[in-house]
mmCIF file of all heavy atoms, coordinates in Angstrom:
data_MODEL
# 
_entry.id   MODEL 
# 
loop_
_atom_site.group_PDB 
_atom_site.id 
_atom_site.type_symbol 
_atom_site.label_atom_id 
_atom_site.label_alt_id 
_atom_site.label_comp_id 
_atom_site.label_asym_id 
_atom_site.label_entity_id 
_atom_site.label_seq_id 
_atom_site.pdbx_PDB_ins_code 
_atom_site.Cartn_x 
_atom_site.Cartn_y 
_atom_site.Cartn_z 
_atom_site.occupancy 
_atom_site.B_iso_or_equiv 
_atom_site.pdbx_formal_charge 
_atom_site.auth_seq_id 
_atom_site.auth_comp_id 
_atom_site.auth_asym_id 
_atom_site.auth_atom_id 
_atom_site.pdbx_PDB_model_num 
ATOM 1   N N   . ASN A 1 1  ? -15.712 0.827  14.731 1.00 0.00 ? 1  ASN A N   1 
ATOM 2   C CA  . ASN A 1 1  ? -16.868 0.692  13.795 1.00 0.00 ? 1  ASN A CA  1 
ATOM 3   C C   . ASN A 1 1  ? -18.091 1.373  14.450 1.00 0.00 ? 1  ASN A C   1 
ATOM 4   O O   . ASN A 1 1  ? -18.557 0.949  15.493 1.00 0.00 ? 1  ASN A O   1 
ATOM 5   C CB  . ASN A 1 1  ? -17.077 -0.713 13.505 1.00 0.00 ? 1  ASN A CB  1 
ATOM 6   C CG  . ASN A 1 1  ? -18.071 -0.864 12.345 1.00 0.00 ? 1  ASN A CG  1 
ATOM 7   O OD1 . ASN A 1 1  ? -18.510 0.111  11.780 1.00 0.00 ? 1  ASN A OD1 1 
ATOM 8   N ND2 . ASN A 1 1  ? -18.433 -2.143 12.140 1.00 0.00 ? 1  ASN A ND2 1 
ATOM 9   N N   . SER A 1 2  ? -18.589 2.428  13.816 1.00 0.00 ? 2  SER A N   1 
ATOM 10  C CA  . SER A 1 2  ? -19.777 3.094  14.301 1.00 0.00 ? 2  SER A CA  1 
ATOM 11  C C   . SER A 1 2  ? -21.117 2.444  13.882 1.00 0.00 ? 2  SER A C   1 
ATOM 12  O O   . SER A 1 2  ? -22.096 2.821  14.454 1.00 0.00 ? 2  SER A O   1 
ATOM 13  C CB  . SER A 1 2  ? -19.780 4.538  13.792 1.00 0.00 ? 2  SER A CB  1 
ATOM 14  O OG  . SER A 1 2  ? -19.824 4.568  12.348 1.00 0.00 ? 2  SER A OG  1 
ATOM 15  N N   . SER A 1 3  ? -21.093 1.472  13.016 1.00 0.00 ? 3  SER A N   1 
ATOM 16  C CA  . SER A 1 3  ? -22.361 0.851  12.566 1.00 0.00 ? 3  SER A CA  1 
ATOM 17  C C   . SER A 1 3  ? -22.740 -0.226 13.532 1.00 0.00 ? 3  SER A C   1 
ATOM 18  O O   . SER A 1 3  ? -21.909 -0.771 14.346 1.00 0.00 ? 3  SER A O   1 
ATOM 19  C CB  . SER A 1 3  ? -22.130 0.215  11.200 1.00 0.00 ? 3  SER A CB  1 
ATOM 20  O OG  . SER A 1 3  ? -21.175 -0.784 11.249 1.00 0.00 ? 3  SER A OG  1 
ATOM 21  N N   . ILE A 1 4  ? -23.975 -0.489 13.700 1.00 0.00 ? 4  ILE A N   1 
ATOM 22  C CA  . ILE A 1 4  ? -24.472 -1.505 14.547 1.00 0.00 ? 4  ILE A CA  1 
ATOM 23  C C   . ILE A 1 4  ? -24.941 -2.754 13.708 1.00 0.00 ? 4  ILE A C   1 
ATOM 24  O O   . ILE A 1 4  ? -25.727 -2.644 12.714 1.00 0.00 ? 4  ILE A O   1 
ATOM 25  C CB  . ILE A 1 4  ? -25.718 -1.004 15.310 1.00 0.00 ? 4  ILE A CB  1 
ATOM 26  C CG1 . ILE A 1 4  ? -25.280 0.237  16.140 1.00 0.00 ? 4  ILE A CG1 1 
ATOM 27  C CG2 . ILE A 1 4  ? -26.315 -2.044 16.241 1.00 0.00 ? 4  ILE A CG2 1 
ATOM 28  C CD1 . ILE A 1 4  ? -26.395 1.006  16.891 1.00 0.00 ? 4  ILE A CD1 1 
ATOM 29  N N   . SER A 1 5  ? -24.442 -3.876 14.073 1.00 0.00 ? 5  SER A N   1 
ATOM 30  C CA  . SER A 1 5  ? -24.637 -5.048 13.259 1.00 0.00 ? 5  SER A CA  1 
ATOM 31  C C   . SER A 1 5  ? -25.974 -5.747 13.506 1.00 0.00 ? 5  SER A C   1 
ATOM 32  O O   . SER A 1 5  ? -26.376 -6.634 12.771 1.00 0.00 ? 5  SER A O   1 
ATOM 33  C CB  . SER A 1 5  ? -23.589 -6.105 13.502 1.00 0.00 ? 5  SER A CB  1 
ATOM 34  O OG  . SER A 1 5  ? -23.528 -6.421 14.947 1.00 0.00 ? 5  SER A OG  1 
ATOM 35  N N   . PHE A 1 6  ? -26.774 -5.314 14.528 1.00 0.00 ? 6  PHE A N   1 
ATOM 36  C CA  . PHE A 1 6  ? -28.068 -5.982 14.789 1.00 0.00 ? 6  PHE A CA  1 
ATOM 37  C C   . PHE A 1 6  ? -29.156 -5.335 13.898 1.00 0.00 ? 6  PHE A C   1 
ATOM 38  O O   . PHE A 1 6  ? -29.212 -4.076 13.838 1.00 0.00 ? 6  PHE A O   1 
ATOM 39  C CB  . PHE A 1 6  ? -28.388 -5.823 16.259 1.00 0.00 ? 6  PHE A CB  1 
ATOM 40  C CG  . PHE A 1 6  ? -27.301 -6.311 17.274 1.00 0.00 ? 6  PHE A CG  1 
ATOM 41  C CD1 . PHE A 1 6  ? -26.970 -5.561 18.336 1.00 0.00 ? 6  PHE A CD1 1 
ATOM 42  C CD2 . PHE A 1 6  ? -26.598 -7.438 16.932 1.00 0.00 ? 6  PHE A CD2 1 
ATOM 43  C CE1 . PHE A 1 6  ? -26.043 -5.970 19.188 1.00 0.00 ? 6  PHE A CE1 1 
ATOM 44  C CE2 . PHE A 1 6  ? -25.587 -7.922 17.820 1.00 0.00 ? 6  PHE A CE2 1 
ATOM 45  C CZ  . PHE A 1 6  ? -25.288 -7.146 18.919 1.00 0.00 ? 6  PHE A CZ  1 
ATOM 46  N N   . PRO A 1 7  ? -29.989 -6.136 13.310 1.00 0.00 ? 7  PRO A N   1 
ATOM 47  C CA  . PRO A 1 7  ? -31.053 -5.504 12.537 1.00 0.00 ? 7  PRO A CA  1 
ATOM 48  C C   . PRO A 1 7  ? -32.139 -4.835 13.322 1.00 0.00 ? 7  PRO A C   1 
ATOM 49  O O   . PRO A 1 7  ? -32.701 -3.811 13.023 1.00 0.00 ? 7  PRO A O   1 
ATOM 50  C CB  . PRO A 1 7  ? -31.643 -6.745 11.813 1.00 0.00 ? 7  PRO A CB  1 
ATOM 51  C CG  . PRO A 1 7  ? -31.290 -7.955 12.651 1.00 0.00 ? 7  PRO A CG  1 
ATOM 52  C CD  . PRO A 1 7  ? -30.005 -7.551 13.237 1.00 0.00 ? 7  PRO A CD  1 
ATOM 53  N N   . GLN A 1 8  ? -32.398 -5.361 14.600 1.00 0.00 ? 8  GLN A N   1 
ATOM 54  C CA  . GLN A 1 8  ? -33.388 -4.688 15.559 1.00 0.00 ? 8  GLN A CA  1 
ATOM 55  C C   . GLN A 1 8  ? -32.661 -4.683 16.882 1.00 0.00 ? 8  GLN A C   1 
ATOM 56  O O   . GLN A 1 8  ? -32.113 -5.681 17.342 1.00 0.00 ? 8  GLN A O   1 
ATOM 57  C CB  . GLN A 1 8  ? -34.627 -5.556 15.605 1.00 0.00 ? 8  GLN A CB  1 
ATOM 58  C CG  . GLN A 1 8  ? -35.423 -5.550 14.282 1.00 0.00 ? 8  GLN A CG  1 
ATOM 59  C CD  . GLN A 1 8  ? -36.662 -6.370 14.450 1.00 0.00 ? 8  GLN A CD  1 
ATOM 60  O OE1 . GLN A 1 8  ? -36.594 -7.540 14.784 1.00 0.00 ? 8  GLN A OE1 1 
ATOM 61  N NE2 . GLN A 1 8  ? -37.827 -5.806 14.098 1.00 0.00 ? 8  GLN A NE2 1 
ATOM 62  N N   . TYR A 1 9  ? -32.763 -3.501 17.559 1.00 0.00 ? 9  TYR A N   1 
ATOM 63  C CA  . TYR A 1 9  ? -31.978 -3.398 18.768 1.00 0.00 ? 9  TYR A CA  1 
ATOM 64  C C   . TYR A 1 9  ? -32.616 -2.244 19.607 1.00 0.00 ? 9  TYR A C   1 
ATOM 65  O O   . TYR A 1 9  ? -33.309 -1.429 19.003 1.00 0.00 ? 9  TYR A O   1 
ATOM 66  C CB  . TYR A 1 9  ? -30.547 -3.057 18.556 1.00 0.00 ? 9  TYR A CB  1 
ATOM 67  C CG  . TYR A 1 9  ? -30.302 -1.829 17.770 1.00 0.00 ? 9  TYR A CG  1 
ATOM 68  C CD1 . TYR A 1 9  ? -30.146 -0.592 18.321 1.00 0.00 ? 9  TYR A CD1 1 
ATOM 69  C CD2 . TYR A 1 9  ? -30.156 -1.962 16.366 1.00 0.00 ? 9  TYR A CD2 1 
ATOM 70  C CE1 . TYR A 1 9  ? -29.948 0.509  17.504 1.00 0.00 ? 9  TYR A CE1 1 
ATOM 71  C CE2 . TYR A 1 9  ? -29.958 -0.835 15.530 1.00 0.00 ? 9  TYR A CE2 1 
ATOM 72  C CZ  . TYR A 1 9  ? -29.840 0.421  16.165 1.00 0.00 ? 9  TYR A CZ  1 
ATOM 73  O OH  . TYR A 1 9  ? -29.598 1.488  15.441 1.00 0.00 ? 9  TYR A OH  1 
ATOM 74  N N   . ASP A 1 10 ? -32.312 -2.285 20.851 1.00 0.00 ? 10 ASP A N   1 
ATOM 75  C CA  . ASP A 1 10 ? -32.704 -1.185 21.787 1.00 0.00 ? 10 ASP A CA  1 
ATOM 76  C C   . ASP A 1 10 ? -31.437 -0.503 22.266 1.00 0.00 ? 10 ASP A C   1 
ATOM 77  O O   . ASP A 1 10 ? -30.397 -1.230 22.434 1.00 0.00 ? 10 ASP A O   1 
ATOM 78  C CB  . ASP A 1 10 ? -33.443 -1.757 23.081 1.00 0.00 ? 10 ASP A CB  1 
ATOM 79  C CG  . ASP A 1 10 ? -34.921 -1.980 22.836 1.00 0.00 ? 10 ASP A CG  1 
ATOM 80  O OD1 . ASP A 1 10 ? -35.478 -1.541 21.773 1.00 0.00 ? 10 ASP A OD1 1 
ATOM 81  O OD2 . ASP A 1 10 ? -35.493 -2.833 23.533 1.00 0.00 ? 10 ASP A OD2 1 
ATOM 82  N N   . LYS A 1 11 ? -31.412 0.729  22.374 1.00 0.00 ? 11 LYS A N   1 
ATOM 83  C CA  . LYS A 1 11 ? -30.249 1.474  22.854 1.00 0.00 ? 11 LYS A CA  1 
ATOM 84  C C   . LYS A 1 11 ? -30.554 2.191  24.180 1.00 0.00 ? 11 LYS A C   1 
ATOM 85  O O   . LYS A 1 11 ? -31.434 2.953  24.297 1.00 0.00 ? 11 LYS A O   1 
ATOM 86  C CB  . LYS A 1 11 ? -29.824 2.470  21.725 1.00 0.00 ? 11 LYS A CB  1 
ATOM 87  C CG  . LYS A 1 11 ? -28.569 3.285  22.105 1.00 0.00 ? 11 LYS A CG  1 
ATOM 88  C CD  . LYS A 1 11 ? -28.244 4.359  21.116 1.00 0.00 ? 11 LYS A CD  1 
ATOM 89  C CE  . LYS A 1 11 ? -27.903 3.810  19.766 1.00 0.00 ? 11 LYS A CE  1 
ATOM 90  N NZ  . LYS A 1 11 ? -27.461 4.892  18.804 1.00 0.00 ? 11 LYS A NZ  1 
ATOM 91  N N   . ILE A 1 12 ? -29.702 1.821  25.159 1.00 0.00 ? 12 ILE A N   1 
ATOM 92  C CA  . ILE A 1 12 ? -29.785 2.419  26.499 1.00 0.00 ? 12 ILE A CA  1 
ATOM 93  C C   . ILE A 1 12 ? -28.546 3.284  26.715 1.00 0.00 ? 12 ILE A C   1 
ATOM 94  O O   . ILE A 1 12 ? -27.383 2.833  26.578 1.00 0.00 ? 12 ILE A O   1 
ATOM 95  C CB  . ILE A 1 12 ? -29.922 1.392  27.598 1.00 0.00 ? 12 ILE A CB  1 
ATOM 96  C CG1 . ILE A 1 12 ? -31.060 0.359  27.248 1.00 0.00 ? 12 ILE A CG1 1 
ATOM 97  C CG2 . ILE A 1 12 ? -30.087 2.025  28.941 1.00 0.00 ? 12 ILE A CG2 1 
ATOM 98  C CD1 . ILE A 1 12 ? -31.131 -0.797 28.223 1.00 0.00 ? 12 ILE A CD1 1 
ATOM 99  N N   . SER A 1 13 ? -28.819 4.543  27.003 1.00 0.00 ? 13 SER A N   1 
ATOM 100 C CA  . SER A 1 13 ? -27.604 5.563  27.165 1.00 0.00 ? 13 SER A CA  1 
ATOM 101 C C   . SER A 1 13 ? -27.690 6.019  28.632 1.00 0.00 ? 13 SER A C   1 
ATOM 102 O O   . SER A 1 13 ? -28.682 6.356  29.255 1.00 0.00 ? 13 SER A O   1 
ATOM 103 C CB  . SER A 1 13 ? -27.854 6.705  26.237 1.00 0.00 ? 13 SER A CB  1 
ATOM 104 O OG  . SER A 1 13 ? -27.906 6.331  24.872 1.00 0.00 ? 13 SER A OG  1 
ATOM 105 N N   . SER A 1 14 ? -26.343 6.062  29.117 1.00 0.00 ? 14 SER A N   1 
ATOM 106 C CA  . SER A 1 14 ? -26.115 6.674  30.477 1.00 0.00 ? 14 SER A CA  1 
ATOM 107 C C   . SER A 1 14 ? -24.996 7.736  30.309 1.00 0.00 ? 14 SER A C   1 
ATOM 108 O O   . SER A 1 14 ? -24.035 7.422  29.632 1.00 0.00 ? 14 SER A O   1 
ATOM 109 C CB  . SER A 1 14 ? -25.786 5.609  31.451 1.00 0.00 ? 14 SER A CB  1 
ATOM 110 O OG  . SER A 1 14 ? -26.826 4.599  31.559 1.00 0.00 ? 14 SER A OG  1 
ATOM 111 N N   . THR A 1 15 ? -25.117 8.837  31.021 1.00 0.00 ? 15 THR A N   1 
ATOM 112 C CA  . THR A 1 15 ? -24.176 9.925  30.901 1.00 0.00 ? 15 THR A CA  1 
ATOM 113 C C   . THR A 1 15 ? -23.835 10.328 32.327 1.00 0.00 ? 15 THR A C   1 
ATOM 114 O O   . THR A 1 15 ? -24.713 10.536 33.173 1.00 0.00 ? 15 THR A O   1 
ATOM 115 C CB  . THR A 1 15 ? -24.729 11.091 30.158 1.00 0.00 ? 15 THR A CB  1 
ATOM 116 O OG1 . THR A 1 15 ? -25.150 10.661 28.836 1.00 0.00 ? 15 THR A OG1 1 
ATOM 117 C CG2 . THR A 1 15 ? -23.681 12.210 29.963 1.00 0.00 ? 15 THR A CG2 1 
ATOM 118 N N   . TRP A 1 16 ? -22.458 10.426 32.576 1.00 0.00 ? 16 TRP A N   1 
ATOM 119 C CA  . TRP A 1 16 ? -21.897 10.943 33.855 1.00 0.00 ? 16 TRP A CA  1 
ATOM 120 C C   . TRP A 1 16 ? -21.234 12.234 33.556 1.00 0.00 ? 16 TRP A C   1 
ATOM 121 O O   . TRP A 1 16 ? -20.228 12.271 32.796 1.00 0.00 ? 16 TRP A O   1 
ATOM 122 C CB  . TRP A 1 16 ? -20.994 9.954  34.483 1.00 0.00 ? 16 TRP A CB  1 
ATOM 123 C CG  . TRP A 1 16 ? -21.572 8.624  34.913 1.00 0.00 ? 16 TRP A CG  1 
ATOM 124 C CD1 . TRP A 1 16 ? -22.222 8.367  36.071 1.00 0.00 ? 16 TRP A CD1 1 
ATOM 125 C CD2 . TRP A 1 16 ? -21.773 7.493  34.085 1.00 0.00 ? 16 TRP A CD2 1 
ATOM 126 N NE1 . TRP A 1 16 ? -22.763 7.090  36.081 1.00 0.00 ? 16 TRP A NE1 1 
ATOM 127 C CE2 . TRP A 1 16 ? -22.481 6.554  34.871 1.00 0.00 ? 16 TRP A CE2 1 
ATOM 128 C CE3 . TRP A 1 16 ? -21.404 7.089  32.756 1.00 0.00 ? 16 TRP A CE3 1 
ATOM 129 C CZ2 . TRP A 1 16 ? -22.753 5.252  34.367 1.00 0.00 ? 16 TRP A CZ2 1 
ATOM 130 C CZ3 . TRP A 1 16 ? -21.648 5.904  32.294 1.00 0.00 ? 16 TRP A CZ3 1 
ATOM 131 C CH2 . TRP A 1 16 ? -22.368 4.993  33.105 1.00 0.00 ? 16 TRP A CH2 1 
ATOM 132 N N   . THR A 1 17 ? -21.747 13.328 34.179 1.00 0.00 ? 17 THR A N   1 
ATOM 133 C CA  . THR A 1 17 ? -21.189 14.630 33.886 1.00 0.00 ? 17 THR A CA  1 
ATOM 134 C C   . THR A 1 17 ? -20.388 15.113 35.056 1.00 0.00 ? 17 THR A C   1 
ATOM 135 O O   . THR A 1 17 ? -20.721 14.954 36.228 1.00 0.00 ? 17 THR A O   1 
ATOM 136 C CB  . THR A 1 17 ? -22.330 15.653 33.616 1.00 0.00 ? 17 THR A CB  1 
ATOM 137 O OG1 . THR A 1 17 ? -23.146 15.202 32.556 1.00 0.00 ? 17 THR A OG1 1 
ATOM 138 C CG2 . THR A 1 17 ? -21.782 17.104 33.254 1.00 0.00 ? 17 THR A CG2 1 
ATOM 139 N N   . LEU A 1 18 ? -19.235 15.736 34.711 1.00 0.00 ? 18 LEU A N   1 
ATOM 140 C CA  . LEU A 1 18 ? -18.306 16.188 35.784 1.00 0.00 ? 18 LEU A CA  1 
ATOM 141 C C   . LEU A 1 18 ? -18.877 17.471 36.400 1.00 0.00 ? 18 LEU A C   1 
ATOM 142 O O   . LEU A 1 18 ? -19.281 18.389 35.672 1.00 0.00 ? 18 LEU A O   1 
ATOM 143 C CB  . LEU A 1 18 ? -16.949 16.451 35.166 1.00 0.00 ? 18 LEU A CB  1 
ATOM 144 C CG  . LEU A 1 18 ? -15.883 17.139 36.080 1.00 0.00 ? 18 LEU A CG  1 
ATOM 145 C CD1 . LEU A 1 18 ? -15.624 16.106 37.235 1.00 0.00 ? 18 LEU A CD1 1 
ATOM 146 C CD2 . LEU A 1 18 ? -14.598 17.454 35.365 1.00 0.00 ? 18 LEU A CD2 1 
ATOM 147 N N   . SER A 1 19 ? -19.050 17.524 37.719 1.00 0.00 ? 19 SER A N   1 
ATOM 148 C CA  . SER A 1 19 ? -19.510 18.617 38.405 1.00 0.00 ? 19 SER A CA  1 
ATOM 149 C C   . SER A 1 19 ? -18.582 19.163 39.465 1.00 0.00 ? 19 SER A C   1 
ATOM 150 O O   . SER A 1 19 ? -17.946 18.261 40.088 1.00 0.00 ? 19 SER A O   1 
ATOM 151 C CB  . SER A 1 19 ? -20.925 18.263 39.051 1.00 0.00 ? 19 SER A CB  1 
ATOM 152 O OG  . SER A 1 19 ? -21.833 17.882 38.049 1.00 0.00 ? 19 SER A OG  1 
ATOM 153 N N   . LEU A 1 20 ? -18.529 20.385 39.693 1.00 0.00 ? 20 LEU A N   1 
ATOM 154 C CA  . LEU A 1 20 ? -17.701 21.011 40.706 1.00 0.00 ? 20 LEU A CA  1 
ATOM 155 C C   . LEU A 1 20 ? -18.355 20.879 42.064 1.00 0.00 ? 20 LEU A C   1 
ATOM 156 O O   . LEU A 1 20 ? -19.595 20.641 42.145 1.00 0.00 ? 20 LEU A O   1 
ATOM 157 C CB  . LEU A 1 20 ? -17.354 22.452 40.404 1.00 0.00 ? 20 LEU A CB  1 
ATOM 158 C CG  . LEU A 1 20 ? -16.562 22.715 39.080 1.00 0.00 ? 20 LEU A CG  1 
ATOM 159 C CD1 . LEU A 1 20 ? -16.306 24.230 38.887 1.00 0.00 ? 20 LEU A CD1 1 
ATOM 160 C CD2 . LEU A 1 20 ? -15.250 21.947 39.189 1.00 0.00 ? 20 LEU A CD2 1 
ATOM 161 N N   . PRO A 1 21 ? -17.627 20.933 43.213 1.00 0.00 ? 21 PRO A N   1 
ATOM 162 C CA  . PRO A 1 21 ? -18.344 20.892 44.530 1.00 0.00 ? 21 PRO A CA  1 
ATOM 163 C C   . PRO A 1 21 ? -19.478 21.854 44.683 1.00 0.00 ? 21 PRO A C   1 
ATOM 164 O O   . PRO A 1 21 ? -20.446 21.530 45.429 1.00 0.00 ? 21 PRO A O   1 
ATOM 165 C CB  . PRO A 1 21 ? -17.152 21.249 45.487 1.00 0.00 ? 21 PRO A CB  1 
ATOM 166 C CG  . PRO A 1 21 ? -15.908 20.869 44.733 1.00 0.00 ? 21 PRO A CG  1 
ATOM 167 C CD  . PRO A 1 21 ? -16.192 21.139 43.257 1.00 0.00 ? 21 PRO A CD  1 
ATOM 168 N N   . GLY A 1 22 ? -19.466 23.006 44.131 1.00 0.00 ? 22 GLY A N   1 
ATOM 169 C CA  . GLY A 1 22 ? -20.616 23.947 44.266 1.00 0.00 ? 22 GLY A CA  1 
ATOM 170 C C   . GLY A 1 22 ? -21.812 23.618 43.404 1.00 0.00 ? 22 GLY A C   1 
ATOM 171 O O   . GLY A 1 22 ? -22.845 24.304 43.522 1.00 0.00 ? 22 GLY A O   1 
ATOM 172 N N   . GLY A 1 23 ? -21.724 22.518 42.588 1.00 0.00 ? 23 GLY A N   1 
ATOM 173 C CA  . GLY A 1 23 ? -22.848 22.168 41.766 1.00 0.00 ? 23 GLY A CA  1 
ATOM 174 C C   . GLY A 1 23 ? -22.727 22.645 40.330 1.00 0.00 ? 23 GLY A C   1 
ATOM 175 O O   . GLY A 1 23 ? -23.639 22.275 39.509 1.00 0.00 ? 23 GLY A O   1 
ATOM 176 N N   . GLN A 1 24 ? -21.703 23.345 39.933 1.00 0.00 ? 24 GLN A N   1 
ATOM 177 C CA  . GLN A 1 24 ? -21.509 23.811 38.609 1.00 0.00 ? 24 GLN A CA  1 
ATOM 178 C C   . GLN A 1 24 ? -21.031 22.721 37.701 1.00 0.00 ? 24 GLN A C   1 
ATOM 179 O O   . GLN A 1 24 ? -20.109 22.037 38.026 1.00 0.00 ? 24 GLN A O   1 
ATOM 180 C CB  . GLN A 1 24 ? -20.490 24.929 38.586 1.00 0.00 ? 24 GLN A CB  1 
ATOM 181 C CG  . GLN A 1 24 ? -20.156 25.558 37.154 1.00 0.00 ? 24 GLN A CG  1 
ATOM 182 C CD  . GLN A 1 24 ? -21.402 26.247 36.654 1.00 0.00 ? 24 GLN A CD  1 
ATOM 183 O OE1 . GLN A 1 24 ? -22.037 27.002 37.371 1.00 0.00 ? 24 GLN A OE1 1 
ATOM 184 N NE2 . GLN A 1 24 ? -21.716 26.049 35.388 1.00 0.00 ? 24 GLN A NE2 1 
ATOM 185 N N   . THR A 1 25 ? -21.797 22.413 36.681 1.00 0.00 ? 25 THR A N   1 
ATOM 186 C CA  . THR A 1 25 ? -21.476 21.374 35.754 1.00 0.00 ? 25 THR A CA  1 
ATOM 187 C C   . THR A 1 25 ? -20.435 21.852 34.726 1.00 0.00 ? 25 THR A C   1 
ATOM 188 O O   . THR A 1 25 ? -20.390 22.955 34.334 1.00 0.00 ? 25 THR A O   1 
ATOM 189 C CB  . THR A 1 25 ? -22.708 20.886 34.935 1.00 0.00 ? 25 THR A CB  1 
ATOM 190 O OG1 . THR A 1 25 ? -23.246 21.955 34.205 1.00 0.00 ? 25 THR A OG1 1 
ATOM 191 C CG2 . THR A 1 25 ? -23.765 20.310 35.932 1.00 0.00 ? 25 THR A CG2 1 
ATOM 192 N N   . MET A 1 26 ? -19.569 20.896 34.441 1.00 0.00 ? 26 MET A N   1 
ATOM 193 C CA  . MET A 1 26 ? -18.432 21.200 33.458 1.00 0.00 ? 26 MET A CA  1 
ATOM 194 C C   . MET A 1 26 ? -18.676 20.515 32.076 1.00 0.00 ? 26 MET A C   1 
ATOM 195 O O   . MET A 1 26 ? -19.527 19.588 32.057 1.00 0.00 ? 26 MET A O   1 
ATOM 196 C CB  . MET A 1 26 ? -17.096 20.732 34.053 1.00 0.00 ? 26 MET A CB  1 
ATOM 197 C CG  . MET A 1 26 ? -16.724 21.309 35.351 1.00 0.00 ? 26 MET A CG  1 
ATOM 198 S SD  . MET A 1 26 ? -16.525 23.010 35.242 1.00 0.00 ? 26 MET A SD  1 
ATOM 199 C CE  . MET A 1 26 ? -15.046 23.184 34.204 1.00 0.00 ? 26 MET A CE  1 
ATOM 200 N N   . PRO A 1 27 ? -18.123 21.120 31.001 1.00 0.00 ? 27 PRO A N   1 
ATOM 201 C CA  . PRO A 1 27 ? -18.364 20.472 29.652 1.00 0.00 ? 27 PRO A CA  1 
ATOM 202 C C   . PRO A 1 27 ? -17.587 19.307 29.435 1.00 0.00 ? 27 PRO A C   1 
ATOM 203 O O   . PRO A 1 27 ? -16.862 19.091 28.479 1.00 0.00 ? 27 PRO A O   1 
ATOM 204 C CB  . PRO A 1 27 ? -17.995 21.621 28.744 1.00 0.00 ? 27 PRO A CB  1 
ATOM 205 C CG  . PRO A 1 27 ? -16.928 22.392 29.465 1.00 0.00 ? 27 PRO A CG  1 
ATOM 206 C CD  . PRO A 1 27 ? -17.343 22.345 30.951 1.00 0.00 ? 27 PRO A CD  1 
# 
C-alpha cells in the first residue's frame, strides 16, 4: 500500500548508494 494512513506526518529518507572501490557510484 503506497498511501500513508497518518493525517499529519514527517518523512525521513535515507539512501545508501553502491560505489566501486575507485569512488565511482553505480545506479
